[in-house]
C-alpha atoms as a PDB file:
ATOM      1  CA  MET A   1       0.000   0.000   0.000  1.00  0.00           C
ATOM      2  CA  VAL A   2       1.322   3.425  -1.000  1.00  0.00           C
ATOM      3  CA  ASN A   3       0.965   6.175   1.590  1.00  0.00           C
ATOM      4  CA  ASN A   4      -0.422   9.553   0.633  1.00  0.00           C
ATOM      5  CA  ILE A   5       1.795  12.603   0.845  1.00  0.00           C
ATOM      6  CA  ARG A   6       0.799  16.092   1.999  1.00  0.00           C
ATOM      7  CA  ILE A   7       1.496  18.695  -0.695  1.00  0.00           C
ATOM      8  CA  PHE A   8       1.032  22.385  -1.434  1.00  0.00           C
ATOM      9  CA  THR A   9       2.019  24.937  -4.069  1.00  0.00           C
ATOM     10  CA  ALA A  10       3.940  28.053  -3.118  1.00  0.00           C
ATOM     11  CA  ILE A  11       6.257  30.880  -4.022  1.00  0.00           C
ATOM     12  CA  SER A  12       9.719  30.306  -2.578  1.00  0.00           C
ATOM     13  CA  ILE A  13      11.465  33.164  -0.796  1.00  0.00           C
ATOM     14  CA  PRO A  14      14.878  34.024  -2.340  1.00  0.00           C
ATOM     15  CA  ASP A  15      17.960  33.464  -0.195  1.00  0.00           C
ATOM     16  CA  SER A  16      18.708  37.217  -0.013  1.00  0.00           C
ATOM     17  CA  ILE A  17      15.258  37.955   1.453  1.00  0.00           C
ATOM     18  CA  THR A  18      15.434  34.913   3.750  1.00  0.00           C
ATOM     19  CA  GLY A  19      18.767  36.264   5.020  1.00  0.00           C
ATOM     20  CA  GLN A  20      17.151  39.589   5.876  1.00  0.00           C
ATOM     21  CA  ILE A  21      14.349  37.835   7.741  1.00  0.00           C
ATOM     22  CA  VAL A  22      16.849  35.625   9.599  1.00  0.00           C
ATOM     23  CA  SER A  23      18.807  38.710  10.702  1.00  0.00           C
ATOM     24  CA  HIS A  24      15.663  39.992  12.466  1.00  0.00           C
ATOM     25  CA  LEU A  25      14.558  36.678  14.002  1.00  0.00           C
ATOM     26  CA  PRO A  26      16.600  36.970  17.245  1.00  0.00           C
ATOM     27  CA  SER A  27      15.004  40.338  18.019  1.00  0.00           C
ATOM     28  CA  TRP A  28      11.505  39.125  17.161  1.00  0.00           C
ATOM     29  CA  GLN A  29      11.969  35.878  19.092  1.00  0.00           C
ATOM     30  CA  GLU A  30      13.115  37.837  22.148  1.00  0.00           C
ATOM     31  CA  ARG A  31      10.051  40.111  22.058  1.00  0.00           C
ATOM     32  CA  LEU A  32       7.371  37.693  20.794  1.00  0.00           C
ATOM     33  CA  SER A  33       6.618  34.520  22.737  1.00  0.00           C
ATOM     34  CA  PHE A  34       5.565  31.966  20.161  1.00  0.00           C
ATOM     35  CA  GLN A  35       5.941  28.261  20.876  1.00  0.00           C
ATOM     36  CA  LYS A  36       7.092  27.184  17.394  1.00  0.00           C
ATOM     37  CA  TRP A  37       9.232  29.258  15.035  1.00  0.00           C
ATOM     38  CA  VAL A  38       9.461  28.202  11.389  1.00  0.00           C
ATOM     39  CA  ASP A  39      12.797  26.888  10.138  1.00  0.00           C
ATOM     40  CA  PRO A  40      14.106  29.671   7.829  1.00  0.00           C
ATOM     41  CA  ARG A  41      14.591  27.093   5.053  1.00  0.00           C
ATOM     42  CA  ASP A  42      10.808  26.586   5.086  1.00  0.00           C
ATOM     43  CA  LEU A  43       9.814  30.216   4.419  1.00  0.00           C
ATOM     44  CA  HIS A  44       7.378  30.572   1.511  1.00  0.00           C
ATOM     45  CA  ILE A  45       4.106  32.151   0.380  1.00  0.00           C
ATOM     46  CA  THR A  46       1.442  29.479  -0.017  1.00  0.00           C
ATOM     47  CA  LEU A  47      -0.615  29.542  -3.201  1.00  0.00           C
ATOM     48  CA  HIS A  48      -2.783  26.445  -2.598  1.00  0.00           C
ATOM     49  CA  PHE A  49      -2.686  23.824   0.150  1.00  0.00           C
ATOM     50  CA  ILE A  50      -3.714  20.648  -1.640  1.00  0.00           C
ATOM     51  CA  GLY A  51      -3.411  18.356   1.372  1.00  0.00           C
ATOM     52  CA  ASP A  52      -3.078  14.584   1.283  1.00  0.00           C
ATOM     53  CA  ALA A  53      -2.595  13.221  -2.208  1.00  0.00           C
ATOM     54  CA  SER A  54      -1.587   9.951  -3.776  1.00  0.00           C
ATOM     55  CA  PRO A  55       1.946   9.921  -5.206  1.00  0.00           C
ATOM     56  CA  SER A  56       0.349   8.765  -8.467  1.00  0.00           C
ATOM     57  CA  SER A  57      -1.458  12.141  -8.705  1.00  0.00           C
ATOM     58  CA  LEU A  58       1.778  14.148  -8.762  1.00  0.00           C
ATOM     59  CA  GLU A  59       2.011  14.103 -12.555  1.00  0.00           C
ATOM     60  CA  ALA A  60      -1.508  15.569 -12.835  1.00  0.00           C
ATOM     61  CA  VAL A  61      -0.631  18.208 -10.220  1.00  0.00           C
ATOM     62  CA  GLN A  62       2.520  19.096 -12.151  1.00  0.00           C
ATOM     63  CA  ASN A  63       0.513  19.347 -15.399  1.00  0.00           C
ATOM     64  CA  ALA A  64      -1.992  21.671 -13.725  1.00  0.00           C
ATOM     65  CA  MET A  65       0.855  23.810 -12.395  1.00  0.00           C
ATOM     66  CA  GLN A  66       2.463  23.898 -15.840  1.00  0.00           C
ATOM     67  CA  GLU A  67      -0.772  25.078 -17.421  1.00  0.00           C
ATOM     68  CA  ALA A  68      -1.045  27.900 -14.858  1.00  0.00           C
ATOM     69  CA  VAL A  69       2.565  29.076 -15.185  1.00  0.00           C
ATOM     70  CA  SER A  70       2.451  28.946 -18.983  1.00  0.00           C
ATOM     71  CA  ARG A  71       0.012  31.859 -18.834  1.00  0.00           C
ATOM     72  CA  SER A  72       1.864  33.784 -16.107  1.00  0.00           C
ATOM     73  CA  ARG A  73       4.514  36.464 -16.306  1.00  0.00           C
ATOM     74  CA  ARG A  74       7.174  37.623 -13.888  1.00  0.00           C
ATOM     75  CA  PHE A  75       6.009  40.057 -11.212  1.00  0.00           C
ATOM     76  CA  SER A  76       7.392  41.649  -8.075  1.00  0.00           C
ATOM     77  CA  ILE A  77       6.366  41.182  -4.443  1.00  0.00           C
ATOM     78  CA  GLU A  78       7.422  43.362  -1.554  1.00  0.00           C
ATOM     79  CA  LEU A  79       7.242  42.033   1.986  1.00  0.00           C
ATOM     80  CA  SER A  80       5.960  44.433   4.591  1.00  0.00           C
ATOM     81  CA  LYS A  81       4.943  44.403   8.249  1.00  0.00           C
ATOM     82  CA  LEU A  82       4.475  41.709  10.843  1.00  0.00           C
ATOM     83  CA  GLY A  83       0.896  40.625  11.434  1.00  0.00           C
ATOM     84  CA  SER A  84      -0.996  37.773  13.024  1.00  0.00           C
ATOM     85  CA  PHE A  85      -4.004  35.526  12.599  1.00  0.00           C
ATOM     86  CA  GLY A  86      -6.256  34.891  15.556  1.00  0.00           C
ATOM     87  CA  ARG A  87      -7.248  36.924  18.584  1.00  0.00           C
ATOM     88  CA  GLU A  88      -4.872  39.628  19.779  1.00  0.00           C
ATOM     89  CA  ASP A  89      -4.543  37.959  23.194  1.00  0.00           C
ATOM     90  CA  ARG A  90      -3.724  34.551  21.693  1.00  0.00           C
ATOM     91  CA  PRO A  91      -2.708  34.739  18.015  1.00  0.00           C
ATOM     92  CA  SER A  92      -2.251  31.416  16.282  1.00  0.00           C
ATOM     93  CA  VAL A  93       0.149  32.552  13.537  1.00  0.00           C
ATOM     94  CA  LEU A  94       2.785  35.307  13.235  1.00  0.00           C
ATOM     95  CA  TRP A  95       3.499  36.355   9.657  1.00  0.00           C
ATOM     96  CA  LEU A  96       5.105  38.895   7.362  1.00  0.00           C
ATOM     97  CA  GLY A  97       2.584  40.415   5.002  1.00  0.00           C
ATOM     98  CA  LEU A  98       2.883  41.928   1.562  1.00  0.00           C
ATOM     99  CA  ASN A  99       3.098  45.655   0.936  1.00  0.00           C
ATOM    100  CA  SER A 100       0.441  45.312  -1.764  1.00  0.00           C
ATOM    101  CA  LEU A 101      -1.363  42.561  -3.658  1.00  0.00           C
ATOM    102  CA  PRO A 102      -0.092  42.524  -7.239  1.00  0.00           C
ATOM    103  CA  GLU A 103      -2.809  41.696  -9.745  1.00  0.00           C
ATOM    104  CA  GLU A 104      -0.469  39.088 -11.258  1.00  0.00           C
ATOM    105  CA  LEU A 105      -0.321  37.250  -7.916  1.00  0.00           C
ATOM    106  CA  LEU A 106      -4.102  37.201  -7.610  1.00  0.00           C
ATOM    107  CA  GLN A 107      -4.412  35.968 -11.205  1.00  0.00           C
ATOM    108  CA  LEU A 108      -1.799  33.251 -10.617  1.00  0.00           C
ATOM    109  CA  HIS A 109      -3.624  32.115  -7.476  1.00  0.00           C
ATOM    110  CA  GLN A 110      -6.978  31.981  -9.284  1.00  0.00           C
ATOM    111  CA  ARG A 111      -5.590  30.333 -12.437  1.00  0.00           C
ATOM    112  CA  LEU A 112      -3.714  27.706 -10.424  1.00  0.00           C
ATOM    113  CA  GLY A 113      -6.836  26.944  -8.373  1.00  0.00           C
ATOM    114  CA  GLU A 114      -8.796  26.456 -11.593  1.00  0.00           C
ATOM    115  CA  THR A 115      -6.196  24.203 -13.230  1.00  0.00           C
ATOM    116  CA  LEU A 116      -5.830  22.117 -10.054  1.00  0.00           C
ATOM    117  CA  HIS A 117      -9.612  21.781  -9.910  1.00  0.00           C
ATOM    118  CA  SER A 118      -9.873  20.587 -13.500  1.00  0.00           C
ATOM    119  CA  GLY A 119      -6.727  18.445 -13.221  1.00  0.00           C
ATOM    120  CA  ILE A 120      -7.220  16.636  -9.905  1.00  0.00           C
ATOM    121  CA  GLY A 121     -10.614  17.750  -8.584  1.00  0.00           C
ATOM    122  CA  TYR A 122      -9.050  20.077  -6.000  1.00  0.00           C
ATOM    123  CA  THR A 123     -11.506  22.529  -4.441  1.00  0.00           C
ATOM    124  CA  PRO A 124      -9.907  25.905  -3.643  1.00  0.00           C
ATOM    125  CA  GLU A 125     -10.725  27.610  -0.343  1.00  0.00           C
ATOM    126  CA  THR A 126     -13.655  29.992  -0.493  1.00  0.00           C
ATOM    127  CA  ARG A 127     -12.266  32.556   1.952  1.00  0.00           C
ATOM    128  CA  PRO A 128     -10.293  35.470   0.485  1.00  0.00           C
ATOM    129  CA  TYR A 129      -6.657  34.797  -0.389  1.00  0.00           C
ATOM    130  CA  ARG A 130      -4.320  36.412   2.179  1.00  0.00           C
ATOM    131  CA  PRO A 131      -0.749  35.797   1.029  1.00  0.00           C
ATOM    132  CA  HIS A 132       1.877  35.939   3.765  1.00  0.00           C
ATOM    133  CA  VAL A 133       5.103  34.356   5.020  1.00  0.00           C
ATOM    134  CA  THR A 134       4.464  32.348   8.203  1.00  0.00           C
ATOM    135  CA  LEU A 135       7.163  32.948  10.824  1.00  0.00           C
ATOM    136  CA  ALA A 136       5.806  31.338  14.005  1.00  0.00           C
ATOM    137  CA  ARG A 137       2.825  29.567  15.531  1.00  0.00           C
ATOM    138  CA  LYS A 138       1.005  29.427  18.887  1.00  0.00           C
ATOM    139  CA  TYR A 139       1.474  32.560  20.984  1.00  0.00           C
ATOM    140  CA  ILE A 140       2.148  31.665  24.624  1.00  0.00           C
ATOM    141  CA  ALA A 141       2.588  35.015  26.431  1.00  0.00           C
ATOM    142  CA  ASP A 142       0.079  36.645  28.770  1.00  0.00           C
ATOM    143  CA  LYS A 143       0.539  40.126  27.259  1.00  0.00           C
ATOM    144  CA  PRO A 144      -1.631  40.775  24.157  1.00  0.00           C
ATOM    145  CA  CYS A 145       0.134  40.873  20.796  1.00  0.00           C
ATOM    146  CA  SER A 146      -1.351  44.064  19.347  1.00  0.00           C
ATOM    147  CA  VAL A 147      -1.227  45.183  15.726  1.00  0.00           C
ATOM    148  CA  GLU A 148       0.562  48.377  16.810  1.00  0.00           C
ATOM    149  CA  TYR A 149       3.214  46.384  18.672  1.00  0.00           C
ATOM    150  CA  LEU A 150       3.816  44.141  15.648  1.00  0.00           C
ATOM    151  CA  HIS A 151       4.050  47.144  13.322  1.00  0.00           C
ATOM    152  CA  ASN A 152       6.583  48.805  15.642  1.00  0.00           C
ATOM    153  CA  LEU A 153       8.688  45.632  15.611  1.00  0.00           C
ATOM    154  CA  SER A 154       8.535  45.740  11.788  1.00  0.00           C
ATOM    155  CA  ASP A 155      10.130  49.177  11.468  1.00  0.00           C
ATOM    156  CA  SER A 156      13.764  48.082  11.222  1.00  0.00           C
ATOM    157  CA  TYR A 157      12.879  45.261   8.817  1.00  0.00           C
ATOM    158  CA  GLN A 158      11.075  47.684   6.522  1.00  0.00           C
ATOM    159  CA  GLN A 159      14.230  49.800   6.234  1.00  0.00           C
ATOM    160  CA  GLN A 160      15.684  47.052   4.027  1.00  0.00           C
ATOM    161  CA  LYS A 161      14.921  46.157   0.422  1.00  0.00           C
ATOM    162  CA  THR A 162      12.205  43.552   0.821  1.00  0.00           C
ATOM    163  CA  ALA A 163      11.037  43.296  -2.794  1.00  0.00           C
ATOM    164  CA  PHE A 164      11.818  40.354  -5.051  1.00  0.00           C
ATOM    165  CA  ASP A 165      10.797  39.047  -8.446  1.00  0.00           C
ATOM    166  CA  VAL A 166       8.560  36.017  -8.746  1.00  0.00           C
ATOM    167  CA  ASN A 167       9.173  33.939 -11.862  1.00  0.00           C
ATOM    168  CA  ARG A 168       8.387  30.398 -10.706  1.00  0.00           C
ATOM    169  CA  ILE A 169       6.278  28.300  -8.362  1.00  0.00           C
ATOM    170  CA  THR A 170       7.153  25.233  -6.344  1.00  0.00           C
ATOM    171  CA  LEU A 171       5.293  22.079  -5.360  1.00  0.00           C
ATOM    172  CA  TYR A 172       6.282  21.126  -1.809  1.00  0.00           C
ATOM    173  CA  ARG A 173       5.860  17.976   0.214  1.00  0.00           C
ATOM    174  CA  THR A 174       5.343  18.289   3.983  1.00  0.00           C
ATOM    175  CA  ARG A 175       7.528  16.018   6.105  1.00  0.00           C
ATOM    176  CA  LEU A 176       6.060  16.314   9.585  1.00  0.00           C
ATOM    177  CA  GLY A 177       8.594  16.245  12.398  1.00  0.00           C
ATOM    178  CA  GLU A 178      11.576  16.954  10.122  1.00  0.00           C
ATOM    179  CA  SER A 179      13.628  20.115   9.734  1.00  0.00           C
ATOM    180  CA  PRO A 180      13.346  21.593   7.237  1.00  0.00           C
ATOM    181  CA  MET A 181       9.774  20.347   7.063  1.00  0.00           C
ATOM    182  CA  TYR A 182       9.069  21.229   3.414  1.00  0.00           C
ATOM    183  CA  GLU A 183      10.736  19.374   0.567  1.00  0.00           C
ATOM    184  CA  PRO A 184      10.560  20.899  -2.933  1.00  0.00           C
ATOM    185  CA  LEU A 185       9.320  18.292  -5.413  1.00  0.00           C
ATOM    186  CA  VAL A 186       8.820  20.346  -8.580  1.00  0.00           C
ATOM    187  CA  VAL A 187       9.857  23.870  -9.580  1.00  0.00           C
ATOM    188  CA  LEU A 188       8.212  25.390 -12.647  1.00  0.00           C
ATOM    189  CA  ASN A 189       9.332  28.641 -14.271  1.00  0.00           C
ATOM    190  CA  PHE A 190       7.043  31.140 -15.947  1.00  0.00           C
ATOM    191  CA  ASP A 191       7.265  31.240 -19.734  1.00  0.00           C
ATOM    192  CA  LYS A 192       7.208  35.050 -19.862  1.00  0.00           C
END
């Protein structure tokens, strides 16, 4: 019996930008009490979380990805301020957001969702797409983690060049309990 694998599509973060994030992690970790910090090698912007899939479906996933990237062109993303998901007194996720939502990113997300749906029957999430880079999970401090506090902690990070070009997408496999946890399986470049 072949075991399913957990997969997702994403935009990888370039090494130069990862390095900038890593240089700020000690300060953020000192001031923000989260139980689990993401391994810097795992930083990415999720496009679609597919979930458990049969290894035999990987070719169809790759074909769907190829169809989406064949109609995509290079665009730029700029990372911005720290933010969180969940209640201010107990956020579940700490993340770096985007300065703006490029139309090309929204189109790529929609196109990829459509090609994955027609290719493997994947059903995209219905909630609005909120691209971000997850940094940590499970806040464990007693003091609330306010938006203002997170934005203040972002100031020194925002002094750096945080923009990068996106010209490819990656299919990742999740390897629970390992570090890094995400293994790139397929990288596909845009045609334009």
